[in-house]
Amino acid sequence: MVVESVKKVKNIVSEVFKGYASNSTGGCCGVSLPPEEQRQLKRLKEGAQAEKKD
């Protein structure tokens, strides 16, 4: 179960970097992602920040 979660995060992160690398407007990473993936990314970021606080 943890492995699946890690794979999901890895896939999302790689998609974000692909979008960032191909984004010529100089926008922030995640700008070129569809709205649903932007929400997932936001949840991941918030989760990572919460884990760092512990």
N, C-alpha and C. Protein backbone atom coordinates (compact mmCIF):
# COMPACT_ATOMS: atom_id res chain seq x y z
N MET A 1 0.83 -1.20 0.00
CA MET A 1 0.00 0.00 0.00
C MET A 1 0.87 1.26 0.00
N VAL A 2 1.92 1.26 0.81
CA VAL A 2 2.83 2.39 0.84
C VAL A 2 3.55 2.53 -0.50
N VAL A 3 3.91 1.39 -1.08
CA VAL A 3 4.60 1.40 -2.37
C VAL A 3 3.73 2.04 -3.43
N GLU A 4 2.44 1.70 -3.44
CA GLU A 4 1.52 2.30 -4.41
C GLU A 4 1.44 3.81 -4.23
N SER A 5 1.39 4.24 -2.98
CA SER A 5 1.32 5.67 -2.68
C SER A 5 2.58 6.38 -3.18
N VAL A 6 3.72 5.78 -2.94
CA VAL A 6 4.98 6.37 -3.39
C VAL A 6 5.03 6.45 -4.91
N LYS A 7 4.56 5.40 -5.57
CA LYS A 7 4.54 5.41 -7.04
C LYS A 7 3.64 6.51 -7.56
N LYS A 8 2.49 6.71 -6.90
CA LYS A 8 1.56 7.76 -7.31
C LYS A 8 2.22 9.14 -7.18
N VAL A 9 2.87 9.36 -6.05
CA VAL A 9 3.55 10.64 -5.81
C VAL A 9 4.64 10.84 -6.86
N LYS A 10 5.40 9.80 -7.12
CA LYS A 10 6.48 9.89 -8.11
C LYS A 10 5.92 10.25 -9.48
N ASN A 11 4.82 9.63 -9.86
CA ASN A 11 4.22 9.94 -11.16
C ASN A 11 3.74 11.38 -11.23
N ILE A 12 3.11 11.84 -10.16
CA ILE A 12 2.61 13.22 -10.14
C ILE A 12 3.77 14.20 -10.21
N VAL A 13 4.81 13.93 -9.42
CA VAL A 13 5.98 14.82 -9.41
C VAL A 13 6.63 14.86 -10.78
N SER A 14 6.77 13.70 -11.42
CA SER A 14 7.39 13.69 -12.75
C SER A 14 6.53 14.45 -13.76
N GLU A 15 5.21 14.35 -13.64
CA GLU A 15 4.33 15.11 -14.53
C GLU A 15 4.47 16.61 -14.28
N VAL A 16 4.59 16.99 -13.02
CA VAL A 16 4.76 18.40 -12.68
C VAL A 16 6.05 18.94 -13.30
N PHE A 17 7.13 18.17 -13.15
CA PHE A 17 8.40 18.63 -13.71
C PHE A 17 8.35 18.69 -15.23
N LYS A 18 7.64 17.75 -15.85
CA LYS A 18 7.47 17.80 -17.31
C LYS A 18 6.75 19.09 -17.69
N GLY A 19 5.69 19.40 -16.97
CA GLY A 19 4.93 20.62 -17.24
C GLY A 19 5.77 21.86 -17.00
N TYR A 20 6.57 21.83 -15.94
CA TYR A 20 7.42 22.97 -15.60
C TYR A 20 8.49 23.16 -16.66
N ALA A 21 9.11 22.06 -17.08
CA ALA A 21 10.20 22.13 -18.05
C ALA A 21 9.68 22.61 -19.41
N SER A 22 8.45 22.24 -19.75
CA SER A 22 7.93 22.63 -21.06
C SER A 22 7.14 23.94 -21.01
N ASN A 23 7.05 24.53 -19.83
CA ASN A 23 6.29 25.77 -19.68
C ASN A 23 7.20 26.95 -20.02
N SER A 24 6.95 27.57 -21.15
CA SER A 24 7.81 28.67 -21.60
C SER A 24 7.36 30.02 -21.06
N THR A 25 6.26 30.06 -20.33
CA THR A 25 5.74 31.33 -19.84
C THR A 25 6.43 31.75 -18.55
N GLY A 26 7.23 30.86 -17.97
CA GLY A 26 7.92 31.19 -16.73
C GLY A 26 7.01 31.10 -15.52
N GLY A 27 5.87 30.45 -15.67
CA GLY A 27 4.94 30.29 -14.56
C GLY A 27 5.45 29.27 -13.54
N CYS A 28 4.75 29.17 -12.46
CA CYS A 28 5.12 28.22 -11.42
C CYS A 28 4.80 26.80 -11.88
N CYS A 29 5.47 25.85 -11.26
CA CYS A 29 5.21 24.46 -11.61
C CYS A 29 3.75 24.12 -11.29
N GLY A 30 3.17 23.27 -12.12
CA GLY A 30 1.78 22.87 -11.92
C GLY A 30 0.79 23.72 -12.70
N VAL A 31 1.25 24.81 -13.30
CA VAL A 31 0.35 25.70 -14.02
C VAL A 31 -0.28 24.99 -15.21
N SER A 32 0.51 24.16 -15.88
CA SER A 32 0.00 23.50 -17.09
C SER A 32 -0.77 22.22 -16.78
N LEU A 33 -0.89 21.88 -15.52
CA LEU A 33 -1.62 20.67 -15.15
C LEU A 33 -3.12 20.92 -15.20
N PRO A 34 -3.88 19.86 -15.47
CA PRO A 34 -5.34 19.99 -15.39
C PRO A 34 -5.76 20.32 -13.95
N PRO A 35 -6.92 20.92 -13.74
CA PRO A 35 -7.36 21.32 -12.39
C PRO A 35 -7.33 20.19 -11.37
N GLU A 36 -7.73 18.98 -11.77
CA GLU A 36 -7.73 17.87 -10.82
C GLU A 36 -6.32 17.55 -10.35
N GLU A 37 -5.36 17.57 -11.24
CA GLU A 37 -3.98 17.29 -10.85
C GLU A 37 -3.41 18.43 -10.02
N GLN A 38 -3.84 19.66 -10.28
CA GLN A 38 -3.42 20.78 -9.44
C GLN A 38 -3.90 20.58 -8.01
N ARG A 39 -5.15 20.09 -7.86
CA ARG A 39 -5.68 19.83 -6.52
C ARG A 39 -4.88 18.72 -5.83
N GLN A 40 -4.56 17.66 -6.58
CA GLN A 40 -3.76 16.57 -6.01
C GLN A 40 -2.40 17.09 -5.56
N LEU A 41 -1.79 17.92 -6.39
CA LEU A 41 -0.48 18.47 -6.06
C LEU A 41 -0.56 19.32 -4.79
N LYS A 42 -1.61 20.11 -4.69
CA LYS A 42 -1.79 20.96 -3.51
C LYS A 42 -1.93 20.10 -2.25
N ARG A 43 -2.73 19.02 -2.35
CA ARG A 43 -2.89 18.12 -1.20
C ARG A 43 -1.56 17.47 -0.84
N LEU A 44 -0.79 17.07 -1.84
CA LEU A 44 0.51 16.45 -1.58
C LEU A 44 1.44 17.43 -0.88
N LYS A 45 1.47 18.67 -1.37
CA LYS A 45 2.34 19.67 -0.75
C LYS A 45 1.93 19.92 0.69
N GLU A 46 0.63 20.05 0.94
CA GLU A 46 0.15 20.29 2.29
C GLU A 46 0.47 19.10 3.19
N GLY A 47 0.33 17.89 2.67
CA GLY A 47 0.65 16.69 3.44
C GLY A 47 2.13 16.62 3.77
N ALA A 48 2.97 16.98 2.82
CA ALA A 48 4.42 16.95 3.05
C ALA A 48 4.81 17.98 4.10
N GLN A 49 4.19 19.14 4.05
CA GLN A 49 4.49 20.17 5.04
C GLN A 49 4.04 19.73 6.43
N ALA A 50 2.91 19.07 6.52
CA ALA A 50 2.40 18.60 7.80
C ALA A 50 3.33 17.53 8.38
N GLU A 51 3.85 16.65 7.51
CA GLU A 51 4.76 15.60 7.98
C GLU A 51 6.07 16.20 8.49
N LYS A 52 6.55 17.26 7.86
CA LYS A 52 7.80 17.88 8.28
C LYS A 52 7.68 18.48 9.67
N LYS A 53 6.48 18.95 10.02
CA LYS A 53 6.28 19.58 11.32
C LYS A 53 6.35 18.56 12.46
N ASP A 54 6.00 17.31 12.17
CA ASP A 54 5.99 16.28 13.22
C ASP A 54 7.37 15.91 13.69
